[in-house]
Amino acid sequence: MKPKLKKGDVVEIIWQDTNIPESPGWMTEVEHEEWVNNLGDLVRSVGIYIGRKKGFINLVGDIDADDVDKKSILRPINVGTGFIKEIYVLKRAK
């Protein structure tokens, strides 16, 4: 079961990568089916959840910590929801 995410949650997502390691480029759907069936590469992404859009979960690696109206965000990470294997909401240490 995938947890309900709230904006600002720190999360770890384990997902199936679609990059072909032996050559540059991205896989076709047929190639991806074969890759998944042969246990392609998994990626572990950690970031701050900022939302969901068009089949992707959107994370950022950095966000302004100050409470300001216009927040600055950097290093976007967009993970296709169909490729997600596991999601964990991480607890913040004090």
Protein backbone atom coordinates (compact mmCIF):
# COMPACT_ATOMS: atom_id res chain seq x y z
CA MET A 1 0.00 0.00 0.00
CA LYS A 2 1.32 3.42 -0.93
CA PRO A 3 1.05 6.12 1.77
CA LYS A 4 -0.98 9.30 1.33
CA LEU A 5 1.60 12.04 0.78
CA LYS A 6 1.32 15.62 1.99
CA LYS A 7 3.20 18.56 0.50
CA GLY A 8 6.46 18.93 2.42
CA ASP A 9 6.79 15.24 3.40
CA VAL A 10 10.35 13.91 3.17
CA VAL A 11 10.09 10.67 1.22
CA GLU A 12 12.14 7.81 -0.13
CA ILE A 13 10.89 6.25 -3.37
CA ILE A 14 12.19 2.98 -4.82
CA TRP A 15 11.37 2.84 -8.53
CA GLN A 16 12.15 0.95 -11.73
CA ASP A 17 14.48 2.93 -13.99
CA THR A 18 13.78 3.04 -17.73
CA ASN A 19 17.23 4.20 -18.79
CA ILE A 20 19.14 1.68 -20.92
CA PRO A 21 22.55 1.37 -19.22
CA GLU A 22 24.38 -0.10 -22.24
CA SER A 23 23.49 2.75 -24.62
CA PRO A 24 22.21 6.31 -24.51
CA GLY A 25 18.48 6.89 -24.78
CA TRP A 26 15.22 5.67 -23.31
CA MET A 27 13.30 2.45 -23.79
CA THR A 28 10.26 1.83 -25.90
CA GLU A 29 7.26 0.25 -24.15
CA VAL A 30 8.16 -3.20 -25.56
CA GLU A 31 11.79 -2.87 -24.46
CA HIS A 32 10.64 -1.73 -21.02
CA GLU A 33 8.36 -4.79 -20.60
CA GLU A 34 11.33 -7.03 -21.32
CA TRP A 35 13.57 -5.00 -18.99
CA VAL A 36 11.06 -5.18 -16.12
CA ASN A 37 10.59 -8.91 -16.61
CA ASN A 38 14.37 -9.28 -16.36
CA LEU A 39 14.51 -7.19 -13.16
CA GLY A 40 15.95 -3.96 -14.62
CA ASP A 41 17.69 -1.43 -12.38
CA LEU A 42 16.01 0.06 -9.33
CA VAL A 43 16.61 3.65 -8.22
CA ARG A 44 16.32 5.05 -4.68
CA SER A 45 15.29 8.73 -4.73
CA VAL A 46 14.98 10.84 -1.59
CA GLY A 47 13.45 14.30 -1.60
CA ILE A 48 10.70 16.62 -0.45
CA TYR A 49 7.25 15.87 -1.88
CA ILE A 50 5.78 18.89 -3.69
CA GLY A 51 2.91 17.30 -5.61
CA ARG A 52 1.66 15.00 -8.32
CA LYS A 53 1.10 15.92 -11.97
CA LYS A 54 0.29 13.98 -15.15
CA GLY A 55 1.34 10.54 -13.89
CA PHE A 56 4.42 11.70 -11.99
CA ILE A 57 5.26 12.24 -8.34
CA ASN A 58 7.26 15.45 -8.03
CA LEU A 59 10.07 15.80 -5.47
CA VAL A 60 12.76 18.39 -4.95
CA GLY A 61 16.17 17.97 -3.39
CA ASP A 62 16.21 21.48 -1.91
CA ILE A 63 13.58 23.96 -0.79
CA ASP A 64 13.82 27.25 1.14
CA ALA A 65 13.47 26.58 4.87
CA ASP A 66 12.34 30.14 5.59
CA ASP A 67 8.61 30.80 5.80
CA VAL A 68 8.28 33.06 2.76
CA ASP A 69 5.50 33.51 0.20
CA LYS A 70 7.64 32.58 -2.82
CA LYS A 71 9.72 29.48 -2.07
CA SER A 72 12.74 28.60 -4.15
CA ILE A 73 13.06 24.94 -5.17
CA LEU A 74 15.98 23.17 -6.83
CA ARG A 75 16.94 19.74 -8.19
CA PRO A 76 13.58 18.44 -9.37
CA ILE A 77 12.99 14.68 -9.28
CA ASN A 78 9.99 13.41 -11.27
CA VAL A 79 9.12 9.72 -10.84
CA GLY A 80 6.51 8.04 -13.03
CA THR A 81 3.83 6.58 -10.76
CA GLY A 82 3.66 3.38 -12.83
CA PHE A 83 7.33 2.63 -12.06
CA ILE A 84 7.13 3.03 -8.28
CA LYS A 85 7.78 -0.13 -6.26
CA GLU A 86 7.84 1.34 -2.73
CA ILE A 87 7.31 4.70 -1.01
CA TYR A 88 8.36 5.55 2.55
CA VAL A 89 7.58 8.77 4.41
CA LEU A 90 10.73 9.56 6.42
CA LYS A 91 10.67 11.04 9.90
CA ARG A 92 12.64 14.18 10.58
CA ALA A 93 15.29 13.98 13.28
CA LYS A 94 15.43 16.89 15.70
